[in-house]
Amino acid sequence: MRKSSPLGRFGIVVAVIGLLLFTLFPVYWMIMSSFDKKASSGGGNLLPREFTWDNFTYVLTDGGFDVFLRNSAIVAIVTVLASALLALLAAVAVTRFRFRFRTSMLLMILVVQMVPLEALVIPLFIQIKNLGLLNTLIGLMIVYVALSLPFGIWMLRGFVAAVPIELEEAAYIDGASWWRMFRSVLFPLVMPGLVATSVFSFITAWNEFIFAMTLLGGEVEQYTVSIGLRQFFGEHSNEWGYIMAASTLITLPVMVFFVIVQRRLSDGLVAGAVKG
């Protein structure tokens, strides 16, 4: 391979730095504005003109964001756990067992992923209303689990199929039950894929706006962070200091979650691209 010229390497470095600045500058601006006492007056600076924690204090007290964070945490945790369990069991079923309409079911799962989410708002709203779960977090959790399952099942199917069936048969020969085999053999091998699907479920439950706004309506006490943020937008003016502080609080849990699972996530995405 030919070595690149110094001018070419310099161009690559400049391009990478430019891309990083373009990507990270909005995050930097958000964080700096959240600590700026005068951010609500409009405009902004690279550094806070008057450093303060008042924006965060207001958001978490009078702004009610402590309740919104709690609601989002409950919804996200339940969605991740429920969708991971159901997706894994469904992936094992469609991969290891042969039953009628198996291929049709897989095709339906694939088709559901192609449907725009906006087209599902009204049908899901009617179903949740008929179940009597409108304006409740439980109804929102059911919808988020339903939205996460197609992707989870399709992705975990590749991981389950990549596990040699001989490993399962060896466990049976040693006297293990199906549950023991699942817990000790299959589950550890598909864990990277499970982490990857859990990240998708978490992001869906934490950041989603349309379904949360439609299903929770006027129940402010049930709001999640994505729709709780809009209360700081006024008809004639916006409270930018509060908006940036609330946005920072919304971003932190996602960043922490990514830091915790980043190694398993990268392993899972790479393995999912080459297995199955």
C-alpha atoms as a PDB file:
ATOM      1  CA  MET A   1       0.000   0.000   0.000  1.00  0.00           C
ATOM      2  CA  ARG A   2       1.234   3.478  -0.840  1.00  0.00           C
ATOM      3  CA  LYS A   3       1.845   5.893   1.973  1.00  0.00           C
ATOM      4  CA  SER A   4      -0.291   8.993   1.879  1.00  0.00           C
ATOM      5  CA  SER A   5       1.405  12.340   1.409  1.00  0.00           C
ATOM      6  CA  PRO A   6       1.767  14.802   4.316  1.00  0.00           C
ATOM      7  CA  LEU A   7      -0.751  17.082   2.599  1.00  0.00           C
ATOM      8  CA  GLY A   8      -3.237  14.222   2.361  1.00  0.00           C
ATOM      9  CA  ARG A   9      -2.799  13.318   6.029  1.00  0.00           C
ATOM     10  CA  PHE A  10      -3.241  16.981   6.971  1.00  0.00           C
ATOM     11  CA  GLY A  11      -6.469  17.113   4.972  1.00  0.00           C
ATOM     12  CA  ILE A  12      -7.772  14.002   6.752  1.00  0.00           C
ATOM     13  CA  VAL A  13      -6.945  15.483  10.164  1.00  0.00           C
ATOM     14  CA  VAL A  14      -8.702  18.745   9.291  1.00  0.00           C
ATOM     15  CA  ALA A  15     -11.756  16.849   8.026  1.00  0.00           C
ATOM     16  CA  VAL A  16     -11.946  14.745  11.193  1.00  0.00           C
ATOM     17  CA  ILE A  17     -11.590  17.797  13.440  1.00  0.00           C
ATOM     18  CA  GLY A  18     -14.257  19.632  11.444  1.00  0.00           C
ATOM     19  CA  LEU A  19     -16.619  16.667  11.729  1.00  0.00           C
ATOM     20  CA  LEU A  20     -16.045  16.420  15.495  1.00  0.00           C
ATOM     21  CA  LEU A  21     -16.673  20.140  15.952  1.00  0.00           C
ATOM     22  CA  PHE A  22     -19.850  19.944  13.876  1.00  0.00           C
ATOM     23  CA  THR A  23     -21.068  16.964  15.920  1.00  0.00           C
ATOM     24  CA  LEU A  24     -20.004  17.961  19.438  1.00  0.00           C
ATOM     25  CA  PHE A  25     -20.464  21.740  19.389  1.00  0.00           C
ATOM     26  CA  PRO A  26     -24.277  21.600  19.910  1.00  0.00           C
ATOM     27  CA  VAL A  27     -23.694  19.415  22.984  1.00  0.00           C
ATOM     28  CA  TYR A  28     -21.093  21.866  24.308  1.00  0.00           C
ATOM     29  CA  TRP A  29     -23.432  24.799  23.656  1.00  0.00           C
ATOM     30  CA  MET A  30     -26.263  23.008  25.480  1.00  0.00           C
ATOM     31  CA  ILE A  31     -24.141  22.325  28.564  1.00  0.00           C
ATOM     32  CA  MET A  32     -22.673  25.840  28.725  1.00  0.00           C
ATOM     33  CA  SER A  33     -26.110  27.439  28.302  1.00  0.00           C
ATOM     34  CA  SER A  34     -27.542  25.272  31.086  1.00  0.00           C
ATOM     35  CA  PHE A  35     -25.106  26.911  33.537  1.00  0.00           C
ATOM     36  CA  ASP A  36     -25.650  30.437  32.185  1.00  0.00           C
ATOM     37  CA  LYS A  37     -27.935  32.566  34.344  1.00  0.00           C
ATOM     38  CA  LYS A  38     -28.560  34.963  31.447  1.00  0.00           C
ATOM     39  CA  ALA A  39     -29.254  32.281  28.838  1.00  0.00           C
ATOM     40  CA  SER A  40     -33.003  32.864  29.098  1.00  0.00           C
ATOM     41  CA  SER A  41     -32.556  36.392  27.786  1.00  0.00           C
ATOM     42  CA  GLY A  42     -31.601  34.990  24.390  1.00  0.00           C
ATOM     43  CA  GLY A  43     -28.392  34.532  22.518  1.00  0.00           C
ATOM     44  CA  GLY A  44     -25.512  32.578  23.983  1.00  0.00           C
ATOM     45  CA  ASN A  45     -21.790  32.536  24.612  1.00  0.00           C
ATOM     46  CA  LEU A  46     -19.020  29.984  24.456  1.00  0.00           C
ATOM     47  CA  LEU A  47     -18.726  30.300  28.243  1.00  0.00           C
ATOM     48  CA  PRO A  48     -21.455  31.184  30.780  1.00  0.00           C
ATOM     49  CA  ARG A  49     -21.670  34.940  31.336  1.00  0.00           C
ATOM     50  CA  GLU A  50     -22.802  34.308  34.914  1.00  0.00           C
ATOM     51  CA  PHE A  51     -22.331  30.760  36.231  1.00  0.00           C
ATOM     52  CA  THR A  52     -25.275  29.357  38.191  1.00  0.00           C
ATOM     53  CA  TRP A  53     -27.010  26.146  39.215  1.00  0.00           C
ATOM     54  CA  ASP A  54     -30.384  27.897  39.370  1.00  0.00           C
ATOM     55  CA  ASN A  55     -31.538  26.511  36.028  1.00  0.00           C
ATOM     56  CA  PHE A  56     -31.126  22.935  37.251  1.00  0.00           C
ATOM     57  CA  THR A  57     -32.680  23.779  40.612  1.00  0.00           C
ATOM     58  CA  TYR A  58     -35.772  25.254  38.983  1.00  0.00           C
ATOM     59  CA  VAL A  59     -36.122  22.415  36.491  1.00  0.00           C
ATOM     60  CA  LEU A  60     -35.947  19.742  39.207  1.00  0.00           C
ATOM     61  CA  THR A  61     -38.292  21.526  41.621  1.00  0.00           C
ATOM     62  CA  ASP A  62     -40.822  23.977  40.201  1.00  0.00           C
ATOM     63  CA  GLY A  63     -40.363  22.548  36.703  1.00  0.00           C
ATOM     64  CA  GLY A  64     -41.411  19.083  37.897  1.00  0.00           C
ATOM     65  CA  PHE A  65     -38.592  17.335  36.060  1.00  0.00           C
ATOM     66  CA  ASP A  66     -37.888  15.075  39.027  1.00  0.00           C
ATOM     67  CA  VAL A  67     -41.266  13.437  38.369  1.00  0.00           C
ATOM     68  CA  PHE A  68     -40.654  13.250  34.626  1.00  0.00           C
ATOM     69  CA  LEU A  69     -37.248  11.629  35.160  1.00  0.00           C
ATOM     70  CA  ARG A  70     -38.781   9.075  37.503  1.00  0.00           C
ATOM     71  CA  ASN A  71     -41.537   8.252  35.011  1.00  0.00           C
ATOM     72  CA  SER A  72     -39.062   7.890  32.144  1.00  0.00           C
ATOM     73  CA  ALA A  73     -36.777   5.694  34.252  1.00  0.00           C
ATOM     74  CA  ILE A  74     -39.666   3.375  35.143  1.00  0.00           C
ATOM     75  CA  VAL A  75     -40.870   3.179  31.544  1.00  0.00           C
ATOM     76  CA  ALA A  76     -37.355   2.609  30.154  1.00  0.00           C
ATOM     77  CA  ILE A  77     -36.396  -0.097  32.672  1.00  0.00           C
ATOM     78  CA  VAL A  78     -39.641  -2.026  32.256  1.00  0.00           C
ATOM     79  CA  THR A  79     -39.458  -1.712  28.464  1.00  0.00           C
ATOM     80  CA  VAL A  80     -35.856  -2.965  28.326  1.00  0.00           C
ATOM     81  CA  LEU A  81     -36.472  -5.942  30.618  1.00  0.00           C
ATOM     82  CA  ALA A  82     -39.798  -6.987  29.077  1.00  0.00           C
ATOM     83  CA  SER A  83     -38.710  -6.575  25.453  1.00  0.00           C
ATOM     84  CA  ALA A  84     -35.391  -8.372  26.070  1.00  0.00           C
ATOM     85  CA  LEU A  85     -37.104 -11.362  27.679  1.00  0.00           C
ATOM     86  CA  LEU A  86     -39.880 -11.645  25.110  1.00  0.00           C
ATOM     87  CA  ALA A  87     -37.562 -11.064  22.146  1.00  0.00           C
ATOM     88  CA  LEU A  88     -35.082 -13.695  23.344  1.00  0.00           C
ATOM     89  CA  LEU A  89     -37.764 -16.339  23.928  1.00  0.00           C
ATOM     90  CA  ALA A  90     -39.390 -15.552  20.577  1.00  0.00           C
ATOM     91  CA  ALA A  91     -36.020 -15.704  18.800  1.00  0.00           C
ATOM     92  CA  VAL A  92     -35.323 -19.131  20.328  1.00  0.00           C
ATOM     93  CA  ALA A  93     -38.776 -20.319  19.259  1.00  0.00           C
ATOM     94  CA  VAL A  94     -38.493 -19.241  15.609  1.00  0.00           C
ATOM     95  CA  THR A  95     -34.908 -20.499  15.346  1.00  0.00           C
ATOM     96  CA  ARG A  96     -34.898 -23.817  17.179  1.00  0.00           C
ATOM     97  CA  PHE A  97     -38.465 -25.070  16.682  1.00  0.00           C
ATOM     98  CA  ARG A  98     -40.339 -25.940  13.501  1.00  0.00           C
ATOM     99  CA  PHE A  99     -44.025 -25.081  13.492  1.00  0.00           C
ATOM    100  CA  ARG A 100     -46.745 -24.052  11.086  1.00  0.00           C
ATOM    101  CA  PHE A 101     -46.607 -20.496   9.689  1.00  0.00           C
ATOM    102  CA  ARG A 102     -43.080 -20.043  11.035  1.00  0.00           C
ATOM    103  CA  THR A 103     -41.823 -18.434   7.815  1.00  0.00           C
ATOM    104  CA  SER A 104     -44.930 -16.271   7.548  1.00  0.00           C
ATOM    105  CA  MET A 105     -44.389 -15.038  11.091  1.00  0.00           C
ATOM    106  CA  LEU A 106     -40.794 -14.063  10.330  1.00  0.00           C
ATOM    107  CA  LEU A 107     -41.925 -12.167   7.242  1.00  0.00           C
ATOM    108  CA  MET A 108     -44.600 -10.355   9.262  1.00  0.00           C
ATOM    109  CA  ILE A 109     -41.957  -9.317  11.796  1.00  0.00           C
ATOM    110  CA  LEU A 110     -39.811  -7.953   8.976  1.00  0.00           C
ATOM    111  CA  VAL A 111     -42.753  -6.110   7.403  1.00  0.00           C
ATOM    112  CA  VAL A 112     -43.649  -4.456  10.726  1.00  0.00           C
ATOM    113  CA  GLN A 113     -40.161  -2.924  10.850  1.00  0.00           C
ATOM    114  CA  MET A 114     -40.816  -1.254   7.506  1.00  0.00           C
ATOM    115  CA  VAL A 115     -44.030   0.470   8.595  1.00  0.00           C
ATOM    116  CA  PRO A 116     -43.534   4.163   9.577  1.00  0.00           C
ATOM    117  CA  LEU A 117     -44.223   4.728  13.270  1.00  0.00           C
ATOM    118  CA  GLU A 118     -46.561   7.606  12.445  1.00  0.00           C
ATOM    119  CA  ALA A 119     -48.894   5.145  10.687  1.00  0.00           C
ATOM    120  CA  LEU A 120     -49.264   3.161  13.920  1.00  0.00           C
ATOM    121  CA  VAL A 121     -50.255   6.052  16.187  1.00  0.00           C
ATOM    122  CA  ILE A 122     -54.029   5.888  15.611  1.00  0.00           C
ATOM    123  CA  PRO A 123     -54.374   2.049  15.671  1.00  0.00           C
ATOM    124  CA  LEU A 124     -52.320   1.774  18.869  1.00  0.00           C
ATOM    125  CA  PHE A 125     -54.205   4.691  20.432  1.00  0.00           C
ATOM    126  CA  ILE A 126     -57.520   2.915  19.802  1.00  0.00           C
ATOM    127  CA  GLN A 127     -56.203  -0.375  21.206  1.00  0.00           C
ATOM    128  CA  ILE A 128     -54.834   1.242  24.364  1.00  0.00           C
ATOM    129  CA  LYS A 129     -58.097   3.157  24.809  1.00  0.00           C
ATOM    130  CA  ASN A 130     -60.127  -0.062  24.479  1.00  0.00           C
ATOM    131  CA  LEU A 131     -57.908  -1.672  27.120  1.00  0.00           C
ATOM    132  CA  GLY A 132     -58.650   1.216  29.487  1.00  0.00           C
ATOM    133  CA  LEU A 133     -54.956   2.121  29.755  1.00  0.00           C
ATOM    134  CA  LEU A 134     -55.074   5.574  28.192  1.00  0.00           C
ATOM    135  CA  ASN A 135     -53.187   8.273  30.179  1.00  0.00           C
ATOM    136  CA  THR A 136     -51.228   5.620  32.097  1.00  0.00           C
ATOM    137  CA  LEU A 137     -47.587   4.601  32.071  1.00  0.00           C
ATOM    138  CA  ILE A 138     -48.589   0.945  31.739  1.00  0.00           C
ATOM    139  CA  GLY A 139     -50.245   1.628  28.391  1.00  0.00           C
ATOM    140  CA  LEU A 140     -47.149   3.496  27.218  1.00  0.00           C
ATOM    141  CA  MET A 141     -44.917   0.597  28.307  1.00  0.00           C
ATOM    142  CA  ILE A 142     -47.020  -1.875  26.314  1.00  0.00           C
ATOM    143  CA  VAL A 143     -46.662   0.258  23.185  1.00  0.00           C
ATOM    144  CA  TYR A 144     -42.896   0.644  23.604  1.00  0.00           C
ATOM    145  CA  VAL A 145     -42.443  -3.088  24.130  1.00  0.00           C
ATOM    146  CA  ALA A 146     -44.479  -3.745  20.982  1.00  0.00           C
ATOM    147  CA  LEU A 147     -42.327  -1.286  19.014  1.00  0.00           C
ATOM    148  CA  SER A 148     -39.078  -2.857  20.274  1.00  0.00           C
ATOM    149  CA  LEU A 149     -39.976  -6.503  19.690  1.00  0.00           C
ATOM    150  CA  PRO A 150     -39.667  -6.735  15.862  1.00  0.00           C
ATOM    151  CA  PHE A 151     -36.108  -5.409  15.832  1.00  0.00           C
ATOM    152  CA  GLY A 152     -35.171  -7.467  18.892  1.00  0.00           C
ATOM    153  CA  ILE A 153     -36.553 -10.736  17.545  1.00  0.00           C
ATOM    154  CA  TRP A 154     -34.982 -10.316  14.120  1.00  0.00           C
ATOM    155  CA  MET A 155     -31.559  -9.426  15.519  1.00  0.00           C
ATOM    156  CA  LEU A 156     -31.485 -12.092  18.258  1.00  0.00           C
ATOM    157  CA  ARG A 157     -32.552 -14.709  15.746  1.00  0.00           C
ATOM    158  CA  GLY A 158     -29.109 -14.434  14.125  1.00  0.00           C
ATOM    159  CA  PHE A 159     -27.348 -14.852  17.456  1.00  0.00           C
ATOM    160  CA  VAL A 160     -29.395 -17.907  18.437  1.00  0.00           C
ATOM    161  CA  ALA A 161     -28.859 -19.484  15.013  1.00  0.00           C
ATOM    162  CA  ALA A 162     -25.089 -18.957  15.368  1.00  0.00           C
ATOM    163  CA  VAL A 163     -24.955 -21.100  18.520  1.00  0.00           C
ATOM    164  CA  PRO A 164     -24.133 -24.703  17.461  1.00  0.00           C
ATOM    165  CA  ILE A 165     -26.995 -26.997  18.306  1.00  0.00           C
ATOM    166  CA  GLU A 166     -24.404 -29.589  19.375  1.00  0.00           C
ATOM    167  CA  LEU A 167     -23.727 -27.489  22.486  1.00  0.00           C
ATOM    168  CA  GLU A 168     -27.357 -27.796  23.491  1.00  0.00           C
ATOM    169  CA  GLU A 169     -27.390 -31.517  22.800  1.00  0.00           C
ATOM    170  CA  ALA A 170     -24.248 -31.966  24.908  1.00  0.00           C
ATOM    171  CA  ALA A 171     -25.980 -30.203  27.797  1.00  0.00           C
ATOM    172  CA  TYR A 172     -28.983 -32.531  27.454  1.00  0.00           C
ATOM    173  CA  ILE A 173     -26.694 -35.577  27.450  1.00  0.00           C
ATOM    174  CA  ASP A 174     -25.112 -34.357  30.691  1.00  0.00           C
ATOM    175  CA  GLY A 175     -28.578 -34.357  32.240  1.00  0.00           C
ATOM    176  CA  ALA A 176     -29.438 -30.657  32.003  1.00  0.00           C
ATOM    177  CA  SER A 177     -33.055 -29.642  31.620  1.00  0.00           C
ATOM    178  CA  TRP A 178     -34.105 -27.212  28.889  1.00  0.00           C
ATOM    179  CA  TRP A 179     -34.155 -24.338  31.377  1.00  0.00           C
ATOM    180  CA  ARG A 180     -30.679 -25.237  32.707  1.00  0.00           C
ATOM    181  CA  MET A 181     -29.338 -25.439  29.151  1.00  0.00           C
ATOM    182  CA  PHE A 182     -30.930 -22.089  28.317  1.00  0.00           C
ATOM    183  CA  ARG A 183     -29.511 -20.419  31.432  1.00  0.00           C
ATOM    184  CA  SER A 184     -25.989 -21.912  31.345  1.00  0.00           C
ATOM    185  CA  VAL A 185     -25.293 -22.427  27.631  1.00  0.00           C
ATOM    186  CA  LEU A 186     -27.503 -20.378  25.321  1.00  0.00           C
ATOM    187  CA  PHE A 187     -28.024 -17.222  27.365  1.00  0.00           C
ATOM    188  CA  PRO A 188     -24.301 -16.347  27.875  1.00  0.00           C
ATOM    189  CA  LEU A 189     -23.590 -16.834  24.155  1.00  0.00           C
ATOM    190  CA  VAL A 190     -26.363 -14.495  22.984  1.00  0.00           C
ATOM    191  CA  MET A 191     -25.686 -11.863  25.662  1.00  0.00           C
ATOM    192  CA  PRO A 192     -23.880  -9.433  23.272  1.00  0.00           C
ATOM    193  CA  GLY A 193     -26.924  -9.413  20.988  1.00  0.00           C
ATOM    194  CA  LEU A 194     -29.217  -8.966  23.960  1.00  0.00           C
ATOM    195  CA  VAL A 195     -27.244  -5.899  25.042  1.00  0.00           C
ATOM    196  CA  ALA A 196     -27.472  -4.402  21.541  1.00  0.00           C
ATOM    197  CA  THR A 197     -31.246  -4.860  21.408  1.00  0.00           C
ATOM    198  CA  SER A 198     -31.569  -3.487  24.941  1.00  0.00           C
ATOM    199  CA  VAL A 199     -29.829  -0.274  23.868  1.00  0.00           C
ATOM    200  CA  PHE A 200     -32.359   0.133  21.055  1.00  0.00           C
ATOM    201  CA  SER A 201     -35.243  -0.466  23.486  1.00  0.00           C
ATOM    202  CA  PHE A 202     -33.810   1.997  26.002  1.00  0.00           C
ATOM    203  CA  ILE A 203     -33.401   4.762  23.417  1.00  0.00           C
ATOM    204  CA  THR A 204     -36.923   4.139  22.113  1.00  0.00           C
ATOM    205  CA  ALA A 205     -38.450   4.368  25.582  1.00  0.00           C
ATOM    206  CA  TRP A 206     -36.359   7.351  26.735  1.00  0.00           C
ATOM    207  CA  ASN A 207     -36.481   9.658  23.721  1.00  0.00           C
ATOM    208  CA  GLU A 208     -39.795   8.838  22.004  1.00  0.00           C
ATOM    209  CA  PHE A 209     -42.209  11.784  21.781  1.00  0.00           C
ATOM    210  CA  ILE A 210     -45.167  11.111  19.460  1.00  0.00           C
ATOM    211  CA  PHE A 211     -46.661   8.092  21.239  1.00  0.00           C
ATOM    212  CA  ALA A 212     -45.985   9.570  24.687  1.00  0.00           C
ATOM    213  CA  MET A 213     -47.763  12.797  23.761  1.00  0.00           C
ATOM    214  CA  THR A 214     -50.699  10.941  22.185  1.00  0.00           C
ATOM    215  CA  LEU A 215     -51.238   8.320  24.892  1.00  0.00           C
ATOM    216  CA  LEU A 216     -50.589  10.435  28.001  1.00  0.00           C
ATOM    217  CA  GLY A 217     -52.631  13.452  26.878  1.00  0.00           C
ATOM    218  CA  GLY A 218     -53.176  15.960  29.666  1.00  0.00           C
ATOM    219  CA  GLU A 219     -51.967  13.781  32.560  1.00  0.00           C
ATOM    220  CA  VAL A 220     -48.995  15.952  33.513  1.00  0.00           C
ATOM    221  CA  GLU A 221     -48.076  13.701  36.452  1.00  0.00           C
ATOM    222  CA  GLN A 222     -47.575  10.838  33.977  1.00  0.00           C
ATOM    223  CA  TYR A 223     -45.377  12.779  31.564  1.00  0.00           C
ATOM    224  CA  THR A 224     -41.990  11.478  30.493  1.00  0.00           C
ATOM    225  CA  VAL A 225     -38.986  13.737  29.927  1.00  0.00           C
ATOM    226  CA  SER A 226     -39.498  14.009  26.172  1.00  0.00           C
ATOM    227  CA  ILE A 227     -42.881  15.695  26.510  1.00  0.00           C
ATOM    228  CA  GLY A 228     -42.137  17.366  29.844  1.00  0.00           C
ATOM    229  CA  LEU A 229     -39.494  19.458  28.093  1.00  0.00           C
ATOM    230  CA  ARG A 230     -42.051  21.303  25.960  1.00  0.00           C
ATOM    231  CA  GLN A 231     -43.502  23.165  28.953  1.00  0.00           C
ATOM    232  CA  PHE A 232     -40.498  25.511  28.831  1.00  0.00           C
ATOM    233  CA  PHE A 233     -41.395  26.610  25.310  1.00  0.00           C
ATOM    234  CA  GLY A 234     -43.737  29.592  25.380  1.00  0.00           C
ATOM    235  CA  GLU A 235     -45.968  31.113  22.735  1.00  0.00           C
ATOM    236  CA  HIS A 236     -43.924  34.306  22.490  1.00  0.00           C
ATOM    237  CA  SER A 237     -40.643  33.413  24.226  1.00  0.00           C
ATOM    238  CA  ASN A 238     -38.635  30.404  25.352  1.00  0.00           C
ATOM    239  CA  GLU A 239     -36.833  29.832  28.641  1.00  0.00           C
ATOM    240  CA  TRP A 240     -33.551  28.753  27.096  1.00  0.00           C
ATOM    241  CA  GLY A 241     -31.719  28.341  30.381  1.00  0.00           C
ATOM    242  CA  TYR A 242     -34.358  25.904  31.639  1.00  0.00           C
ATOM    243  CA  ILE A 243     -34.587  24.186  28.265  1.00  0.00           C
ATOM    244  CA  MET A 244     -30.832  23.569  28.125  1.00  0.00           C
ATOM    245  CA  ALA A 245     -30.704  22.399  31.752  1.00  0.00           C
ATOM    246  CA  ALA A 246     -33.561  19.964  31.152  1.00  0.00           C
ATOM    247  CA  SER A 247     -31.954  18.774  27.910  1.00  0.00           C
ATOM    248  CA  THR A 248     -28.705  18.109  29.769  1.00  0.00           C
ATOM    249  CA  LEU A 249     -30.579  16.074  32.379  1.00  0.00           C
ATOM    250  CA  ILE A 250     -32.259  14.086  29.592  1.00  0.00           C
ATOM    251  CA  THR A 251     -28.931  13.376  27.892  1.00  0.00           C
ATOM    252  CA  LEU A 252     -26.990  12.214  30.959  1.00  0.00           C
ATOM    253  CA  PRO A 253     -28.784   8.862  31.534  1.00  0.00           C
ATOM    254  CA  VAL A 254     -28.323   7.910  27.874  1.00  0.00           C
ATOM    255  CA  MET A 255     -24.610   8.721  28.044  1.00  0.00           C
ATOM    256  CA  VAL A 256     -24.188   6.736  31.266  1.00  0.00           C
ATOM    257  CA  PHE A 257     -26.044   3.779  29.774  1.00  0.00           C
ATOM    258  CA  PHE A 258     -23.819   3.827  26.681  1.00  0.00           C
ATOM    259  CA  VAL A 259     -20.646   4.001  28.791  1.00  0.00           C
ATOM    260  CA  ILE A 260     -21.768   0.957  30.781  1.00  0.00           C
ATOM    261  CA  VAL A 261     -22.634  -1.224  27.788  1.00  0.00           C
ATOM    262  CA  GLN A 262     -20.371   0.178  25.053  1.00  0.00           C
ATOM    263  CA  ARG A 263     -17.980  -2.805  24.953  1.00  0.00           C
ATOM    264  CA  ARG A 264     -20.727  -5.394  24.789  1.00  0.00           C
ATOM    265  CA  LEU A 265     -22.627  -3.201  22.338  1.00  0.00           C
ATOM    266  CA  SER A 266     -19.749  -3.018  19.860  1.00  0.00           C
ATOM    267  CA  ASP A 267     -19.169  -6.775  20.164  1.00  0.00           C
ATOM    268  CA  GLY A 268     -22.856  -7.430  19.640  1.00  0.00           C
ATOM    269  CA  LEU A 269     -23.197  -5.211  16.563  1.00  0.00           C
ATOM    270  CA  VAL A 270     -20.114  -6.694  14.891  1.00  0.00           C
ATOM    271  CA  ALA A 271     -21.181 -10.246  15.692  1.00  0.00           C
ATOM    272  CA  GLY A 272     -24.706  -9.574  14.484  1.00  0.00           C
ATOM    273  CA  ALA A 273     -23.353  -8.375  11.155  1.00  0.00           C
ATOM    274  CA  VAL A 274     -21.407 -11.571  10.437  1.00  0.00           C
ATOM    275  CA  LYS A 275     -23.427 -14.290  12.145  1.00  0.00           C
ATOM    276  CA  GLY A 276     -26.636 -16.000  11.167  1.00  0.00           C
END
